[in-house]
Protein backbone atom coordinates (compact mmCIF):
# COMPACT_ATOMS: atom_id res chain seq x y z
CA MET A 1 71.46 112.81 112.66
CA VAL A 2 71.90 116.44 111.59
CA LEU A 3 74.90 117.38 109.49
CA SER A 4 77.04 120.10 111.05
CA PHE A 5 79.44 121.55 108.51
CA PRO A 6 82.95 122.59 109.49
CA ALA A 7 83.43 126.29 110.16
CA THR A 8 85.23 126.78 106.84
CA LEU A 9 82.22 125.61 104.84
CA TYR A 10 80.16 128.76 104.36
CA PRO A 11 76.36 128.61 104.69
CA SER A 12 74.03 129.03 101.73
CA GLU A 13 73.80 132.64 100.54
CA LEU A 14 71.61 133.94 97.71
CA ASN A 15 73.60 135.61 94.91
CA SER A 16 76.93 135.06 96.61
CA VAL A 17 78.77 136.04 93.44
CA SER A 18 82.24 137.38 92.85
CA THR A 19 83.43 140.90 93.42
CA THR A 20 86.86 142.49 92.95
CA LEU A 21 89.74 143.81 95.00
CA ASN A 22 89.59 147.58 95.57
CA GLY A 23 93.32 148.10 95.72
CA SER A 24 96.26 145.74 95.46
CA LEU A 25 97.05 142.96 97.95
CA ALA A 26 100.66 142.30 98.94
CA GLN A 27 101.79 138.78 99.71
CA ALA A 28 102.28 139.48 103.43
CA SER A 29 99.01 141.37 103.84
CA THR A 30 96.22 139.80 105.93
CA SER A 31 93.47 142.32 105.10
CA VAL A 32 91.90 143.10 101.77
CA THR A 33 89.45 145.76 100.62
CA VAL A 34 86.71 144.64 98.25
CA THR A 35 84.53 146.60 95.87
CA THR A 36 81.12 145.19 96.91
CA VAL A 37 81.09 143.33 100.22
CA GLY A 38 77.36 142.60 99.91
CA ASN A 39 78.11 139.95 97.30
CA LEU A 40 80.18 138.03 99.85
CA LEU A 41 79.18 137.05 103.38
CA GLY A 42 78.88 139.19 106.47
CA ASN A 43 80.86 139.05 109.68
CA SER A 44 78.27 136.77 111.30
CA SER A 45 79.21 134.01 108.84
CA CYS A 46 82.92 134.03 109.69
CA PRO A 47 85.04 132.10 109.25
CA PHE A 48 84.41 131.19 105.60
CA LEU A 49 86.52 130.45 102.54
CA VAL A 50 87.19 132.93 99.76
CA MET A 51 89.14 132.52 96.53
CA ILE A 52 91.26 135.24 94.93
CA GLY A 53 92.12 134.97 91.25
CA PRO A 54 93.10 136.98 88.16
CA SER A 55 90.67 139.59 86.82
CA THR A 56 90.36 137.50 83.65
CA GLY A 57 88.95 134.52 85.61
CA PHE A 58 89.91 131.95 88.22
CA ASP A 59 92.66 129.57 87.12
CA ALA A 60 95.51 127.47 88.48
CA THR A 61 96.98 130.49 90.24
CA THR A 62 93.89 130.99 92.39
CA GLU A 63 94.60 131.44 96.10
CA ILE A 64 92.30 130.01 98.78
CA CYS A 65 91.97 132.09 101.95
CA ILE A 66 89.96 131.91 105.16
CA CYS A 67 88.04 135.08 105.98
CA THR A 68 88.03 135.53 109.75
CA GLY A 69 86.40 138.96 109.95
CA VAL A 70 84.46 141.56 107.97
CA SER A 71 84.52 145.28 108.83
CA GLY A 72 82.83 147.48 106.27
CA SER A 73 84.47 146.59 102.97
CA VAL A 74 87.62 145.18 104.58
CA LEU A 75 88.06 141.41 105.00
CA THR A 76 90.59 139.93 107.43
CA ILE A 77 92.04 136.83 105.81
CA THR A 78 94.43 133.94 106.46
CA ARG A 79 96.39 133.37 103.27
CA ALA A 80 97.30 130.36 101.10
CA GLN A 81 95.02 127.61 102.41
CA GLY A 82 94.42 124.09 101.07
CA GLY A 83 97.77 123.85 99.32
CA SER A 84 97.37 127.05 97.29
CA THR A 85 100.33 129.45 97.15
CA ALA A 86 100.10 133.16 97.70
CA PRO A 87 101.55 135.13 94.76
CA THR A 88 103.79 138.11 95.36
CA THR A 89 100.83 140.44 94.97
CA TRP A 90 97.27 140.58 93.66
CA ALA A 91 96.48 143.59 91.52
CA SER A 92 93.51 145.86 92.10
CA GLY A 93 90.56 144.47 90.14
CA SER A 94 91.46 140.83 90.84
CA LEU A 95 88.46 138.58 91.43
CA ILE A 96 87.41 137.45 94.92
CA ALA A 97 84.50 135.03 95.50
CA CYS A 98 83.02 132.28 97.64
CA ASN A 99 83.52 129.57 95.03
CA PHE A 100 83.51 125.86 95.89
CA SER A 101 87.13 124.73 96.23
CA SER A 102 89.14 121.59 96.85
CA LEU A 103 89.36 122.63 100.50
CA HIS A 104 85.56 122.74 100.73
CA TRP A 105 85.50 119.19 99.40
CA THR A 106 88.14 118.02 101.88
CA ASN A 107 86.21 119.56 104.77
CA LEU A 108 82.96 118.06 103.52
CA VAL A 109 84.47 114.57 103.38
CA THR A 110 85.91 115.05 106.88
CA ASP A 111 82.52 116.07 108.19
CA MET A 112 80.73 113.18 106.50
CA ASN A 113 83.26 110.81 108.07
CA THR A 114 82.26 112.25 111.44
CA LEU A 115 78.74 110.96 110.77
CA ALA A 116 79.82 107.64 109.25
CA PRO A 117 83.37 107.32 110.52
CA ALA A 118 85.92 105.46 108.48
CA TRP A 119 88.07 102.81 110.09
CA VAL A 120 91.14 104.40 111.68
CA PRO A 121 94.21 102.40 110.65
CA LEU A 122 97.19 101.86 112.91
CA THR A 123 100.68 101.49 111.50
CA ALA A 124 102.28 98.06 111.52
CA THR A 125 105.48 97.79 113.60
CA THR A 126 105.13 101.46 114.65
CA ASP A 127 101.79 101.18 116.50
CA PHE A 128 101.50 97.42 116.89
CA SER A 129 103.62 94.31 116.56
CA THR A 130 103.01 92.14 113.51
CA THR A 131 103.50 89.07 115.69
CA GLY A 132 100.58 88.31 117.99
CA ALA A 133 101.44 88.19 121.68
CA SER A 134 98.95 85.32 122.06
CA THR A 135 95.89 83.99 120.25
CA SER A 136 93.81 86.82 121.77
CA THR A 137 96.32 89.63 122.41
CA ILE A 138 98.26 92.10 120.30
CA THR A 139 101.42 93.87 121.44
CA MET A 140 100.95 97.64 121.18
CA ASN A 141 104.09 99.64 120.43
CA THR A 142 102.38 103.00 121.00
CA ASP A 143 99.86 103.83 123.72
CA GLN A 144 96.36 103.90 122.17
CA THR A 145 94.37 103.92 125.41
CA SER A 146 93.21 107.52 124.93
CA LYS A 147 91.93 106.77 121.42
CA ILE A 148 90.38 103.30 121.58
CA PRO A 149 87.65 102.71 124.21
CA ILE A 150 87.04 99.22 125.54
CA GLY A 151 84.28 97.67 123.43
CA SER A 152 85.47 99.30 120.19
CA PRO A 153 85.19 97.28 116.98
CA ILE A 154 88.41 96.36 115.20
CA LYS A 155 89.40 94.79 111.93
CA TYR A 156 92.69 93.04 111.39
CA THR A 157 94.48 91.12 108.68
CA TYR A 158 96.10 87.91 109.81
CA ASN A 159 97.91 85.61 107.38
CA GLY A 160 96.38 87.45 104.44
CA THR A 161 92.73 87.21 105.62
CA LEU A 162 90.64 90.12 106.97
CA TYR A 163 88.80 89.52 110.26
CA TYR A 164 86.57 91.53 112.59
CA GLY A 165 86.58 91.61 116.39
CA VAL A 166 86.04 93.75 119.48
CA VAL A 167 88.46 95.17 122.05
CA THR A 168 87.85 93.63 125.48
CA ALA A 169 90.84 95.15 127.31
CA LEU A 170 93.57 97.65 126.45
CA THR A 171 96.72 98.82 128.19
CA SER A 172 99.56 100.94 126.86
CA GLY A 173 101.33 97.79 125.71
CA LEU A 174 98.66 95.17 125.07
CA MET A 175 95.29 94.91 123.29
CA THR A 176 93.00 91.99 124.17
CA ILE A 177 90.38 91.04 121.62
CA ALA A 178 87.36 88.80 121.10
CA GLY A 179 86.84 87.41 117.61
CA PRO A 180 88.62 84.98 115.30
CA THR A 181 91.98 83.81 116.63
CA ILE A 182 95.18 85.53 115.52
CA ASN A 183 97.72 82.92 116.73
CA THR A 184 101.36 83.91 117.10
CA GLY A 185 102.91 83.51 113.66
CA ALA A 186 105.80 85.90 113.20
CA GLY A 187 104.97 88.89 110.99
CA LEU A 188 101.52 87.60 109.99
CA LEU A 189 99.43 90.34 111.64
CA THR A 190 99.78 92.92 108.87
CA THR A 191 96.91 95.41 109.45
CA LEU A 192 94.94 96.68 112.44
CA ALA A 193 92.24 99.37 112.49
CA TYR A 194 89.60 100.49 114.97
CA GLY A 195 86.13 101.97 114.53
CA ASP A 196 83.61 103.71 116.76
CA SER A 197 80.30 102.66 118.29
CA ASN A 198 78.41 103.25 115.01
CA ARG A 199 79.98 100.03 113.72
CA ILE A 200 78.87 97.80 116.57
CA VAL A 201 75.52 96.50 117.84
CA GLU A 202 74.56 94.24 120.73
CA VAL A 203 71.57 91.91 120.48
CA PRO A 204 70.19 90.79 123.89
CA ILE A 205 68.19 87.56 124.03
CA SER A 206 66.19 86.54 127.11
CA ILE A 207 64.66 83.09 127.60
CA PRO A 208 62.54 83.05 130.79
CA GLY A 209 61.82 79.95 132.83
CA TYR A 210 63.41 76.52 132.42
CA PHE A 211 65.55 76.43 129.30
CA GLU A 212 67.33 73.04 129.47
CA GLU A 213 64.60 70.52 130.20
CA THR A 214 65.49 69.08 126.85
CA ALA A 215 68.34 69.53 124.38
CA TYR A 216 67.76 72.01 121.56
CA THR A 217 70.52 70.78 119.28
CA SER A 218 68.61 70.65 116.00
CA ALA A 219 65.81 72.58 114.38
CA PRO A 220 63.60 73.84 115.87
CA TYR A 221 66.27 75.35 118.10
CA ALA A 222 65.79 77.12 121.45
CA ILE A 223 64.55 80.52 120.26
CA GLU A 224 61.93 79.02 117.97
CA SER A 225 60.93 76.41 120.55
CA LEU A 226 60.92 78.54 123.72
CA LEU A 227 60.26 82.07 122.46
CA PHE A 228 57.97 80.91 119.64
CA MET A 229 59.79 83.00 117.05
CA ARG A 230 59.62 81.19 113.73
CA TYR A 231 63.16 80.28 112.58
CA GLY A 232 64.69 82.49 115.30
CA ILE A 233 65.39 86.22 115.49
CA PRO A 234 65.35 87.81 112.02
CA TRP A 235 68.23 90.04 110.95
CA TRP A 236 67.08 92.93 108.74
CA LEU A 237 70.24 95.02 109.07
CA PRO A 238 73.19 95.09 106.63
CA LYS A 239 75.78 92.35 106.68
CA ALA A 240 77.69 92.09 109.96
CA TYR A 241 79.93 89.72 111.89
CA CYS A 242 79.13 88.06 115.24
CA VAL A 243 82.45 88.51 117.03
CA GLN A 244 81.39 87.54 120.55
CA PHE A 245 78.47 86.30 122.60
CA LYS A 246 77.99 86.01 126.35
CA ALA A 247 75.55 83.97 128.44
CA LEU A 248 74.27 84.24 132.03
CA ASN A 249 72.10 81.96 134.19
CA GLY A 250 69.24 83.30 136.25
CA VAL A 251 69.30 80.03 138.18
CA ALA A 252 72.24 77.73 137.59
CA ASP A 253 72.34 73.99 136.99
CA THR A 254 74.51 72.73 139.83
CA GLY A 255 75.34 69.47 138.10
CA THR A 256 77.01 69.28 134.71
CA THR A 257 76.12 72.70 133.37
CA PRO A 258 74.40 73.25 130.04
CA ILE A 259 76.26 74.44 126.96
CA VAL A 260 75.05 77.27 124.74
CA ASN A 261 76.02 78.05 121.17
CA MET A 262 74.77 80.72 118.82
CA LEU A 263 73.89 80.04 115.20
CA VAL A 264 73.43 82.51 112.35
CA GLY A 265 72.45 82.03 108.76
CA ALA A 266 69.61 81.25 106.40
CA VAL A 267 66.79 78.85 107.21
CA GLY A 268 68.05 75.32 106.74
CA SER A 269 71.73 76.33 106.76
CA MET A 270 72.46 77.77 110.21
CA ASN A 271 76.12 77.93 111.21
CA TYR A 272 77.73 77.64 114.66
CA ILE A 273 79.53 80.72 115.99
CA SER A 274 81.60 79.20 118.82
CA THR A 275 84.06 76.39 118.18
CA SER A 276 84.35 75.47 121.88
CA ASN A 277 83.45 72.00 123.14
CA SER A 278 83.66 70.53 119.62
CA ASN A 279 81.41 73.26 118.22
CA THR A 280 78.70 72.81 120.86
CA GLY A 281 79.54 76.19 122.38
CA ILE A 282 80.42 77.71 125.75
CA SER A 283 79.65 76.05 129.10
CA LEU A 284 77.49 78.07 131.46
CA PRO A 285 78.97 78.63 134.94
CA GLY A 286 77.61 76.82 137.97
CA ASN A 287 76.33 80.10 139.40
CA ASN A 288 74.06 82.98 138.44
CA THR A 289 76.60 85.78 138.86
CA SER A 290 79.26 85.08 136.23
CA TRP A 291 79.01 85.54 132.47
CA ALA A 292 80.31 82.83 130.19
CA SER A 293 81.82 84.37 127.05
CA THR A 294 83.51 83.50 123.81
CA VAL A 295 87.01 84.89 123.32
CA VAL A 296 88.75 83.76 120.14
CA ASP A 297 86.74 80.56 119.80
CA ILE A 298 84.84 82.18 116.92
CA SER A 299 84.39 80.31 113.65
CA SER A 300 85.79 82.70 111.05
CA ALA A 301 84.11 80.67 108.32
CA ASN A 302 80.63 81.05 109.83
CA TYR A 303 80.40 84.32 111.79
CA ALA A 304 78.91 86.52 109.04
CA ILE A 305 75.19 87.31 109.06
CA SER A 306 73.37 88.88 106.09
CA ASN A 307 70.09 90.69 105.66
CA GLY A 308 67.25 88.16 105.79
CA ASN A 309 69.20 85.65 107.91
CA TYR A 310 68.29 84.51 111.44
CA ILE A 311 69.87 84.23 114.90
CA GLU A 312 69.27 81.03 116.87
CA LEU A 313 70.54 79.34 120.04
CA GLU A 314 71.54 75.73 120.51
CA ILE A 315 71.35 74.39 124.06
CA THR A 316 72.95 71.14 125.24
CA LYS A 317 71.28 70.22 128.53
CA GLY A 318 73.09 69.61 131.79
CA THR A 319 72.55 66.80 134.27
CA ASP A 320 71.05 68.33 137.40
CA THR A 321 67.48 67.41 138.32
CA VAL A 322 66.96 71.08 139.23
CA LYS A 323 67.09 72.57 135.78
CA ALA A 324 68.69 75.91 134.95
CA GLN A 325 66.36 78.87 134.53
CA ASN A 326 66.15 82.33 132.95
CA LEU A 327 68.88 82.45 130.34
CA THR A 328 70.29 85.76 129.08
CA VAL A 329 72.49 85.88 125.99
CA VAL A 330 74.08 89.01 124.50
CA ALA A 331 75.55 88.83 121.00
CA VAL A 332 78.02 91.43 119.70
CA PHE A 333 78.03 92.21 115.96
CA VAL A 334 80.46 94.40 113.99
CA PHE A 335 79.53 96.13 110.72
CA PRO A 336 82.35 96.12 108.14
């Protein structure tokens, strides 16, 4: 990804050194004449930041301005930027330069956050209720539908513990999530923040053919046994959290349907993701058109995956003599 600096971060310029004011600058003035405009930047680089300071050297009185135009030796400027205060007047001979300022730094951080966005926090009681509406829903006190797309990662603090999840539905008054349960304890949901798609990844897993002729409830599990991937699917990314997985039949078992669970972890110490059906996982539907999915039946003690770990599937077979076929599983991971 290419970094695109904000407009007020000037481009690199050889020998962009300081010059001086050619005439005084009143506090209300928005144009300034300089002695040597060649030492600054031309009109094609506008807008850019300039600093004005005493002739003896830049100090705490320095004023940050935005230059919006250059005509000959006259700069058009917007005064007192980045918290600096315009003095009553700047005397002729005062310094003016494209020095790096606190405002440059602020803009740089903002731009870097565009590339690797920070979590955007919402305000407790103002934006959301601190009491969960249900185990999988949060009451929204302000409408966030224009800001938070469905499928966005979230992080939330419930009862003093930080969790990660994903938004599965959102209205002006209610957010539905998948991830660890939040329950409905009064005042226990203390923080809520959302991220963008850079913090989320989906891992699709396809097992063709019959996948429940036997039970794969111990090592070697289904991925190693049926896809011949030693130990399962390796995870070489940074630490993340499996907040949801979904499963779909290609051909359904019309008897007692099979159950699928996902496991993550190191070889010899794989951990179940779903707590449904006494930790055996989610039951597949008796059709090949509906997805089975976890909601808040996620084991918060076991849903982290680290670099060098593996992803596996456990399958508990159904009862039909016509076995289920062509399993698709999609796992959703959130990066902290």
